[in-house]
mmCIF file of all heavy atoms, coordinates in Angstrom:
data_MODEL
# 
_entry.id   MODEL 
# 
loop_
_atom_site.group_PDB 
_atom_site.id 
_atom_site.type_symbol 
_atom_site.label_atom_id 
_atom_site.label_alt_id 
_atom_site.label_comp_id 
_atom_site.label_asym_id 
_atom_site.label_entity_id 
_atom_site.label_seq_id 
_atom_site.pdbx_PDB_ins_code 
_atom_site.Cartn_x 
_atom_site.Cartn_y 
_atom_site.Cartn_z 
_atom_site.occupancy 
_atom_site.B_iso_or_equiv 
_atom_site.pdbx_formal_charge 
_atom_site.auth_seq_id 
_atom_site.auth_comp_id 
_atom_site.auth_asym_id 
_atom_site.auth_atom_id 
_atom_site.pdbx_PDB_model_num 
ATOM 1   N N   . LYS A 1 1  ? -87.217 -0.442 -9.066  1.00 0.00 ? 1  LYS A N   1 
ATOM 2   C CA  . LYS A 1 1  ? -87.564 0.587  -8.251  1.00 0.00 ? 1  LYS A CA  1 
ATOM 3   C C   . LYS A 1 1  ? -87.504 1.882  -9.048  1.00 0.00 ? 1  LYS A C   1 
ATOM 4   O O   . LYS A 1 1  ? -86.617 2.171  -9.784  1.00 0.00 ? 1  LYS A O   1 
ATOM 5   C CB  . LYS A 1 1  ? -86.580 0.683  -7.047  1.00 0.00 ? 1  LYS A CB  1 
ATOM 6   C CG  . LYS A 1 1  ? -86.612 -0.412 -6.065  1.00 0.00 ? 1  LYS A CG  1 
ATOM 7   C CD  . LYS A 1 1  ? -85.678 -0.028 -4.971  1.00 0.00 ? 1  LYS A CD  1 
ATOM 8   C CE  . LYS A 1 1  ? -85.630 -1.236 -3.776  1.00 0.00 ? 1  LYS A CE  1 
ATOM 9   N NZ  . LYS A 1 1  ? -84.882 -2.341 -4.410  1.00 0.00 ? 1  LYS A NZ  1 
ATOM 10  N N   . GLU A 1 2  ? -88.573 2.803  -8.805  1.00 0.00 ? 2  GLU A N   1 
ATOM 11  C CA  . GLU A 1 2  ? -88.522 4.055  -9.321  1.00 0.00 ? 2  GLU A CA  1 
ATOM 12  C C   . GLU A 1 2  ? -88.465 5.118  -8.198  1.00 0.00 ? 2  GLU A C   1 
ATOM 13  O O   . GLU A 1 2  ? -89.285 5.182  -7.314  1.00 0.00 ? 2  GLU A O   1 
ATOM 14  C CB  . GLU A 1 2  ? -89.842 4.294  -10.197 1.00 0.00 ? 2  GLU A CB  1 
ATOM 15  C CG  . GLU A 1 2  ? -89.758 5.588  -10.853 1.00 0.00 ? 2  GLU A CG  1 
ATOM 16  C CD  . GLU A 1 2  ? -91.027 5.909  -11.849 1.00 0.00 ? 2  GLU A CD  1 
ATOM 17  O OE1 . GLU A 1 2  ? -91.600 4.756  -12.330 1.00 0.00 ? 2  GLU A OE1 1 
ATOM 18  O OE2 . GLU A 1 2  ? -91.392 7.003  -12.151 1.00 0.00 ? 2  GLU A OE2 1 
ATOM 19  N N   . LEU A 1 3  ? -87.353 5.948  -8.227  1.00 0.00 ? 3  LEU A N   1 
ATOM 20  C CA  . LEU A 1 3  ? -87.091 6.772  -7.159  1.00 0.00 ? 3  LEU A CA  1 
ATOM 21  C C   . LEU A 1 3  ? -87.235 8.236  -7.672  1.00 0.00 ? 3  LEU A C   1 
ATOM 22  O O   . LEU A 1 3  ? -86.318 8.762  -8.457  1.00 0.00 ? 3  LEU A O   1 
ATOM 23  C CB  . LEU A 1 3  ? -85.583 6.671  -6.649  1.00 0.00 ? 3  LEU A CB  1 
ATOM 24  C CG  . LEU A 1 3  ? -85.369 5.192  -6.080  1.00 0.00 ? 3  LEU A CG  1 
ATOM 25  C CD1 . LEU A 1 3  ? -83.790 5.070  -5.599  1.00 0.00 ? 3  LEU A CD1 1 
ATOM 26  C CD2 . LEU A 1 3  ? -86.263 4.710  -4.956  1.00 0.00 ? 3  LEU A CD2 1 
ATOM 27  N N   . PRO A 1 4  ? -88.242 8.944  -7.472  1.00 0.00 ? 4  PRO A N   1 
ATOM 28  C CA  . PRO A 1 4  ? -88.418 10.284 -7.721  1.00 0.00 ? 4  PRO A CA  1 
ATOM 29  C C   . PRO A 1 4  ? -87.265 11.147 -7.128  1.00 0.00 ? 4  PRO A C   1 
ATOM 30  O O   . PRO A 1 4  ? -87.008 10.957 -5.961  1.00 0.00 ? 4  PRO A O   1 
ATOM 31  C CB  . PRO A 1 4  ? -89.835 10.671 -7.233  1.00 0.00 ? 4  PRO A CB  1 
ATOM 32  C CG  . PRO A 1 4  ? -90.521 9.394  -6.977  1.00 0.00 ? 4  PRO A CG  1 
ATOM 33  C CD  . PRO A 1 4  ? -89.474 8.463  -6.506  1.00 0.00 ? 4  PRO A CD  1 
ATOM 34  N N   . CYS A 1 5  ? -86.876 12.226 -7.944  1.00 0.00 ? 5  CYS A N   1 
ATOM 35  C CA  . CYS A 1 5  ? -85.827 13.104 -7.486  1.00 0.00 ? 5  CYS A CA  1 
ATOM 36  C C   . CYS A 1 5  ? -85.719 14.358 -8.221  1.00 0.00 ? 5  CYS A C   1 
ATOM 37  O O   . CYS A 1 5  ? -86.245 14.311 -9.292  1.00 0.00 ? 5  CYS A O   1 
ATOM 38  C CB  . CYS A 1 5  ? -84.442 12.323 -7.497  1.00 0.00 ? 5  CYS A CB  1 
ATOM 39  S SG  . CYS A 1 5  ? -84.015 11.857 -9.273  1.00 0.00 ? 5  CYS A SG  1 
ATOM 40  N N   . ASP A 1 6  ? -85.062 15.282 -7.606  1.00 0.00 ? 6  ASP A N   1 
ATOM 41  C CA  . ASP A 1 6  ? -84.855 16.494 -8.288  1.00 0.00 ? 6  ASP A CA  1 
ATOM 42  C C   . ASP A 1 6  ? -83.583 16.696 -8.826  1.00 0.00 ? 6  ASP A C   1 
ATOM 43  O O   . ASP A 1 6  ? -83.180 17.575 -9.535  1.00 0.00 ? 6  ASP A O   1 
ATOM 44  C CB  . ASP A 1 6  ? -85.258 17.678 -7.264  1.00 0.00 ? 6  ASP A CB  1 
ATOM 45  C CG  . ASP A 1 6  ? -86.648 17.606 -6.679  1.00 0.00 ? 6  ASP A CG  1 
ATOM 46  O OD1 . ASP A 1 6  ? -87.585 17.540 -7.548  1.00 0.00 ? 6  ASP A OD1 1 
ATOM 47  O OD2 . ASP A 1 6  ? -86.657 17.548 -5.441  1.00 0.00 ? 6  ASP A OD2 1 
ATOM 48  N N   . MET A 1 7  ? -82.641 15.828 -8.320  1.00 0.00 ? 7  MET A N   1 
ATOM 49  C CA  . MET A 1 7  ? -81.239 15.908 -8.856  1.00 0.00 ? 7  MET A CA  1 
ATOM 50  C C   . MET A 1 7  ? -80.555 14.569 -8.537  1.00 0.00 ? 7  MET A C   1 
ATOM 51  O O   . MET A 1 7  ? -81.083 13.775 -7.598  1.00 0.00 ? 7  MET A O   1 
ATOM 52  C CB  . MET A 1 7  ? -80.404 17.092 -8.203  1.00 0.00 ? 7  MET A CB  1 
ATOM 53  C CG  . MET A 1 7  ? -80.310 17.054 -6.706  1.00 0.00 ? 7  MET A CG  1 
ATOM 54  S SD  . MET A 1 7  ? -79.397 18.472 -6.133  1.00 0.00 ? 7  MET A SD  1 
ATOM 55  C CE  . MET A 1 7  ? -77.687 18.062 -6.621  1.00 0.00 ? 7  MET A CE  1 
ATOM 56  N N   . VAL A 1 8  ? -79.440 14.245 -9.032  1.00 0.00 ? 8  VAL A N   1 
ATOM 57  C CA  . VAL A 1 8  ? -78.672 13.012 -8.922  1.00 0.00 ? 8  VAL A CA  1 
ATOM 58  C C   . VAL A 1 8  ? -77.160 13.360 -8.808  1.00 0.00 ? 8  VAL A C   1 
ATOM 59  O O   . VAL A 1 8  ? -76.684 14.255 -9.512  1.00 0.00 ? 8  VAL A O   1 
ATOM 60  C CB  . VAL A 1 8  ? -78.786 12.058 -10.137 1.00 0.00 ? 8  VAL A CB  1 
ATOM 61  C CG1 . VAL A 1 8  ? -77.882 10.922 -10.075 1.00 0.00 ? 8  VAL A CG1 1 
ATOM 62  C CG2 . VAL A 1 8  ? -80.324 11.583 -10.149 1.00 0.00 ? 8  VAL A CG2 1 
ATOM 63  N N   . VAL A 1 9  ? -76.401 12.660 -7.793  1.00 0.00 ? 9  VAL A N   1 
ATOM 64  C CA  . VAL A 1 9  ? -75.095 12.828 -7.821  1.00 0.00 ? 9  VAL A CA  1 
ATOM 65  C C   . VAL A 1 9  ? -74.552 11.550 -7.911  1.00 0.00 ? 9  VAL A C   1 
ATOM 66  O O   . VAL A 1 9  ? -74.820 10.534 -7.210  1.00 0.00 ? 9  VAL A O   1 
ATOM 67  C CB  . VAL A 1 9  ? -74.531 13.549 -6.377  1.00 0.00 ? 9  VAL A CB  1 
ATOM 68  C CG1 . VAL A 1 9  ? -72.973 13.527 -6.399  1.00 0.00 ? 9  VAL A CG1 1 
ATOM 69  C CG2 . VAL A 1 9  ? -75.193 14.862 -6.278  1.00 0.00 ? 9  VAL A CG2 1 
ATOM 70  N N   . ILE A 1 10 ? -73.480 11.212 -8.747  1.00 0.00 ? 10 ILE A N   1 
ATOM 71  C CA  . ILE A 1 10 ? -73.013 10.008 -9.142  1.00 0.00 ? 10 ILE A CA  1 
ATOM 72  C C   . ILE A 1 10 ? -71.552 9.859  -8.554  1.00 0.00 ? 10 ILE A C   1 
ATOM 73  O O   . ILE A 1 10 ? -70.697 10.753 -8.783  1.00 0.00 ? 10 ILE A O   1 
ATOM 74  C CB  . ILE A 1 10 ? -72.949 9.640  -10.718 1.00 0.00 ? 10 ILE A CB  1 
ATOM 75  C CG1 . ILE A 1 10 ? -74.409 9.692  -11.125 1.00 0.00 ? 10 ILE A CG1 1 
ATOM 76  C CG2 . ILE A 1 10 ? -72.306 8.313  -10.925 1.00 0.00 ? 10 ILE A CG2 1 
ATOM 77  C CD1 . ILE A 1 10 ? -74.326 9.637  -12.745 1.00 0.00 ? 10 ILE A CD1 1 
ATOM 78  N N   . GLY A 1 11 ? -71.337 8.775  -7.804  1.00 0.00 ? 11 GLY A N   1 
ATOM 79  C CA  . GLY A 1 11 ? -70.020 8.583  -7.234  1.00 0.00 ? 11 GLY A CA  1 
ATOM 80  C C   . GLY A 1 11 ? -69.698 7.056  -7.730  1.00 0.00 ? 11 GLY A C   1 
ATOM 81  O O   . GLY A 1 11 ? -69.759 6.095  -6.935  1.00 0.00 ? 11 GLY A O   1 
ATOM 82  N N   . ALA A 1 12 ? -69.153 6.962  -8.908  1.00 0.00 ? 12 ALA A N   1 
ATOM 83  C CA  . ALA A 1 12 ? -68.982 5.647  -9.473  1.00 0.00 ? 12 ALA A CA  1 
ATOM 84  C C   . ALA A 1 12 ? -67.367 5.345  -9.479  1.00 0.00 ? 12 ALA A C   1 
ATOM 85  O O   . ALA A 1 12 ? -66.925 4.424  -10.352 1.00 0.00 ? 12 ALA A O   1 
ATOM 86  C CB  . ALA A 1 12 ? -69.510 5.492  -10.848 1.00 0.00 ? 12 ALA A CB  1 
ATOM 87  N N   . GLY A 1 13 ? -66.531 6.027  -8.712  1.00 0.00 ? 13 GLY A N   1 
ATOM 88  C CA  . GLY A 1 13 ? -65.236 5.878  -8.785  1.00 0.00 ? 13 GLY A CA  1 
ATOM 89  C C   . GLY A 1 13 ? -64.463 6.756  -9.772  1.00 0.00 ? 13 GLY A C   1 
ATOM 90  O O   . GLY A 1 13 ? -64.997 7.571  -10.402 1.00 0.00 ? 13 GLY A O   1 
ATOM 91  N N   . VAL A 1 14 ? -63.138 6.457  -9.794  1.00 0.00 ? 14 VAL A N   1 
ATOM 92  C CA  . VAL A 1 14 ? -62.238 7.170  -10.810 1.00 0.00 ? 14 VAL A CA  1 
ATOM 93  C C   . VAL A 1 14 ? -61.326 6.310  -11.558 1.00 0.00 ? 14 VAL A C   1 
ATOM 94  O O   . VAL A 1 14 ? -61.207 5.085  -11.124 1.00 0.00 ? 14 VAL A O   1 
ATOM 95  C CB  . VAL A 1 14 ? -61.405 8.311  -9.940  1.00 0.00 ? 14 VAL A CB  1 
ATOM 96  C CG1 . VAL A 1 14 ? -62.329 9.326  -9.400  1.00 0.00 ? 14 VAL A CG1 1 
ATOM 97  C CG2 . VAL A 1 14 ? -60.543 7.683  -9.050  1.00 0.00 ? 14 VAL A CG2 1 
ATOM 98  N N   . THR A 1 15 ? -60.846 6.766  -12.607 1.00 0.00 ? 15 THR A N   1 
ATOM 99  C CA  . THR A 1 15 ? -59.642 6.026  -13.312 1.00 0.00 ? 15 THR A CA  1 
ATOM 100 C C   . THR A 1 15 ? -58.484 6.820  -13.369 1.00 0.00 ? 15 THR A C   1 
ATOM 101 O O   . THR A 1 15 ? -58.535 8.124  -13.574 1.00 0.00 ? 15 THR A O   1 
ATOM 102 C CB  . THR A 1 15 ? -60.168 5.592  -14.672 1.00 0.00 ? 15 THR A CB  1 
ATOM 103 O OG1 . THR A 1 15 ? -60.522 6.913  -15.477 1.00 0.00 ? 15 THR A OG1 1 
ATOM 104 C CG2 . THR A 1 15 ? -61.399 4.712  -14.680 1.00 0.00 ? 15 THR A CG2 1 
ATOM 105 N N   . PRO A 1 16 ? -57.163 6.280  -13.221 1.00 0.00 ? 16 PRO A N   1 
ATOM 106 C CA  . PRO A 1 16 ? -55.992 7.074  -13.192 1.00 0.00 ? 16 PRO A CA  1 
ATOM 107 C C   . PRO A 1 16 ? -55.775 7.658  -14.567 1.00 0.00 ? 16 PRO A C   1 
ATOM 108 O O   . PRO A 1 16 ? -55.962 6.931  -15.621 1.00 0.00 ? 16 PRO A O   1 
ATOM 109 C CB  . PRO A 1 16 ? -54.931 6.014  -12.868 1.00 0.00 ? 16 PRO A CB  1 
ATOM 110 C CG  . PRO A 1 16 ? -55.533 4.686  -13.205 1.00 0.00 ? 16 PRO A CG  1 
ATOM 111 C CD  . PRO A 1 16 ? -57.076 4.872  -12.935 1.00 0.00 ? 16 PRO A CD  1 
ATOM 112 N N   . ASP A 1 17 ? -55.374 8.909  -14.588 1.00 0.00 ? 17 ASP A N   1 
ATOM 113 C CA  . ASP A 1 17 ? -55.250 9.580  -15.886 1.00 0.00 ? 17 ASP A CA  1 
ATOM 114 C C   . ASP A 1 17 ? -53.736 9.402  -16.272 1.00 0.00 ? 17 ASP A C   1 
ATOM 115 O O   . ASP A 1 17 ? -52.888 10.199 -16.032 1.00 0.00 ? 17 ASP A O   1 
ATOM 116 C CB  . ASP A 1 17 ? -55.521 11.045 -15.752 1.00 0.00 ? 17 ASP A CB  1 
ATOM 117 C CG  . ASP A 1 17 ? -55.337 11.934 -17.130 1.00 0.00 ? 17 ASP A CG  1 
ATOM 118 O OD1 . ASP A 1 17 ? -55.043 11.229 -18.015 1.00 0.00 ? 17 ASP A OD1 1 
ATOM 119 O OD2 . ASP A 1 17 ? -55.633 13.055 -17.067 1.00 0.00 ? 17 ASP A OD2 1 
ATOM 120 N N   . VAL A 1 18 ? -53.476 8.309  -17.045 1.00 0.00 ? 18 VAL A N   1 
ATOM 121 C CA  . VAL A 1 18 ? -52.137 7.851  -17.407 1.00 0.00 ? 18 VAL A CA  1 
ATOM 122 C C   . VAL A 1 18 ? -52.005 8.254  -18.857 1.00 0.00 ? 18 VAL A C   1 
ATOM 123 O O   . VAL A 1 18 ? -51.006 7.586  -19.451 1.00 0.00 ? 18 VAL A O   1 
ATOM 124 C CB  . VAL A 1 18 ? -51.867 6.431  -17.102 1.00 0.00 ? 18 VAL A CB  1 
ATOM 125 C CG1 . VAL A 1 18 ? -51.828 6.226  -15.534 1.00 0.00 ? 18 VAL A CG1 1 
ATOM 126 C CG2 . VAL A 1 18 ? -52.798 5.469  -17.648 1.00 0.00 ? 18 VAL A CG2 1 
ATOM 127 N N   . SER A 1 19 ? -52.807 8.997  -19.424 1.00 0.00 ? 19 SER A N   1 
ATOM 128 C CA  . SER A 1 19 ? -52.740 9.137  -21.004 1.00 0.00 ? 19 SER A CA  1 
ATOM 129 C C   . SER A 1 19 ? -51.342 9.781  -21.326 1.00 0.00 ? 19 SER A C   1 
ATOM 130 O O   . SER A 1 19 ? -50.712 9.320  -22.410 1.00 0.00 ? 19 SER A O   1 
ATOM 131 C CB  . SER A 1 19 ? -53.982 10.010 -21.524 1.00 0.00 ? 19 SER A CB  1 
ATOM 132 O OG  . SER A 1 19 ? -54.101 11.170 -20.868 1.00 0.00 ? 19 SER A OG  1 
ATOM 133 N N   . LEU A 1 20 ? -50.882 10.688 -20.663 1.00 0.00 ? 20 LEU A N   1 
ATOM 134 C CA  . LEU A 1 20 ? -49.779 11.551 -21.033 1.00 0.00 ? 20 LEU A CA  1 
ATOM 135 C C   . LEU A 1 20 ? -48.594 10.580 -20.771 1.00 0.00 ? 20 LEU A C   1 
ATOM 136 O O   . LEU A 1 20 ? -47.691 10.547 -21.544 1.00 0.00 ? 20 LEU A O   1 
ATOM 137 C CB  . LEU A 1 20 ? -49.651 12.760 -20.025 1.00 0.00 ? 20 LEU A CB  1 
ATOM 138 C CG  . LEU A 1 20 ? -48.362 13.660 -20.231 1.00 0.00 ? 20 LEU A CG  1 
ATOM 139 C CD1 . LEU A 1 20 ? -48.361 14.182 -21.645 1.00 0.00 ? 20 LEU A CD1 1 
ATOM 140 C CD2 . LEU A 1 20 ? -48.164 14.661 -19.221 1.00 0.00 ? 20 LEU A CD2 1 
ATOM 141 N N   . ALA A 1 21 ? -48.569 9.812  -19.566 1.00 0.00 ? 21 ALA A N   1 
ATOM 142 C CA  . ALA A 1 21 ? -47.560 8.937  -19.360 1.00 0.00 ? 21 ALA A CA  1 
ATOM 143 C C   . ALA A 1 21 ? -47.486 7.825  -20.377 1.00 0.00 ? 21 ALA A C   1 
ATOM 144 O O   . ALA A 1 21 ? -46.261 7.493  -20.813 1.00 0.00 ? 21 ALA A O   1 
ATOM 145 C CB  . ALA A 1 21 ? -47.754 8.239  -17.937 1.00 0.00 ? 21 ALA A CB  1 
ATOM 146 N N   . LYS A 1 22 ? -48.590 7.221  -20.783 1.00 0.00 ? 22 LYS A N   1 
ATOM 147 C CA  . LYS A 1 22 ? -48.468 6.243  -21.740 1.00 0.00 ? 22 LYS A CA  1 
ATOM 148 C C   . LYS A 1 22 ? -47.932 6.767  -23.197 1.00 0.00 ? 22 LYS A C   1 
ATOM 149 O O   . LYS A 1 22 ? -47.070 6.091  -23.762 1.00 0.00 ? 22 LYS A O   1 
ATOM 150 C CB  . LYS A 1 22 ? -49.938 5.713  -22.124 1.00 0.00 ? 22 LYS A CB  1 
ATOM 151 C CG  . LYS A 1 22 ? -50.476 4.673  -21.109 1.00 0.00 ? 22 LYS A CG  1 
ATOM 152 C CD  . LYS A 1 22 ? -51.758 4.108  -21.559 1.00 0.00 ? 22 LYS A CD  1 
ATOM 153 C CE  . LYS A 1 22 ? -52.245 3.029  -20.612 1.00 0.00 ? 22 LYS A CE  1 
ATOM 154 N NZ  . LYS A 1 22 ? -53.563 2.494  -21.080 1.00 0.00 ? 22 LYS A NZ  1 
ATOM 155 N N   . ALA A 1 23 ? -48.447 7.971  -23.484 1.00 0.00 ? 23 ALA A N   1 
ATOM 156 C CA  . ALA A 1 23 ? -47.949 8.509  -24.822 1.00 0.00 ? 23 ALA A CA  1 
ATOM 157 C C   . ALA A 1 23 ? -46.500 8.841  -24.742 1.00 0.00 ? 23 ALA A C   1 
ATOM 158 O O   . ALA A 1 23 ? -45.702 8.804  -25.746 1.00 0.00 ? 23 ALA A O   1 
ATOM 159 C CB  . ALA A 1 23 ? -48.733 9.882  -25.136 1.00 0.00 ? 23 ALA A CB  1 
ATOM 160 N N   . ALA A 1 24 ? -45.913 9.144  -23.422 1.00 0.00 ? 24 ALA A N   1 
ATOM 161 C CA  . ALA A 1 24 ? -44.477 9.322  -23.360 1.00 0.00 ? 24 ALA A CA  1 
ATOM 162 C C   . ALA A 1 24 ? -43.653 8.213  -23.286 1.00 0.00 ? 24 ALA A C   1 
ATOM 163 O O   . ALA A 1 24 ? -42.458 8.146  -23.380 1.00 0.00 ? 24 ALA A O   1 
ATOM 164 C CB  . ALA A 1 24 ? -44.251 10.256 -22.139 1.00 0.00 ? 24 ALA A CB  1 
# 
């Protein structure tokens, strides 16, 4: 499918930001 558009919004989820916790 080709969907013409003027803009895109992506909602692909999130990942927990545990970088500080891991490093600690």
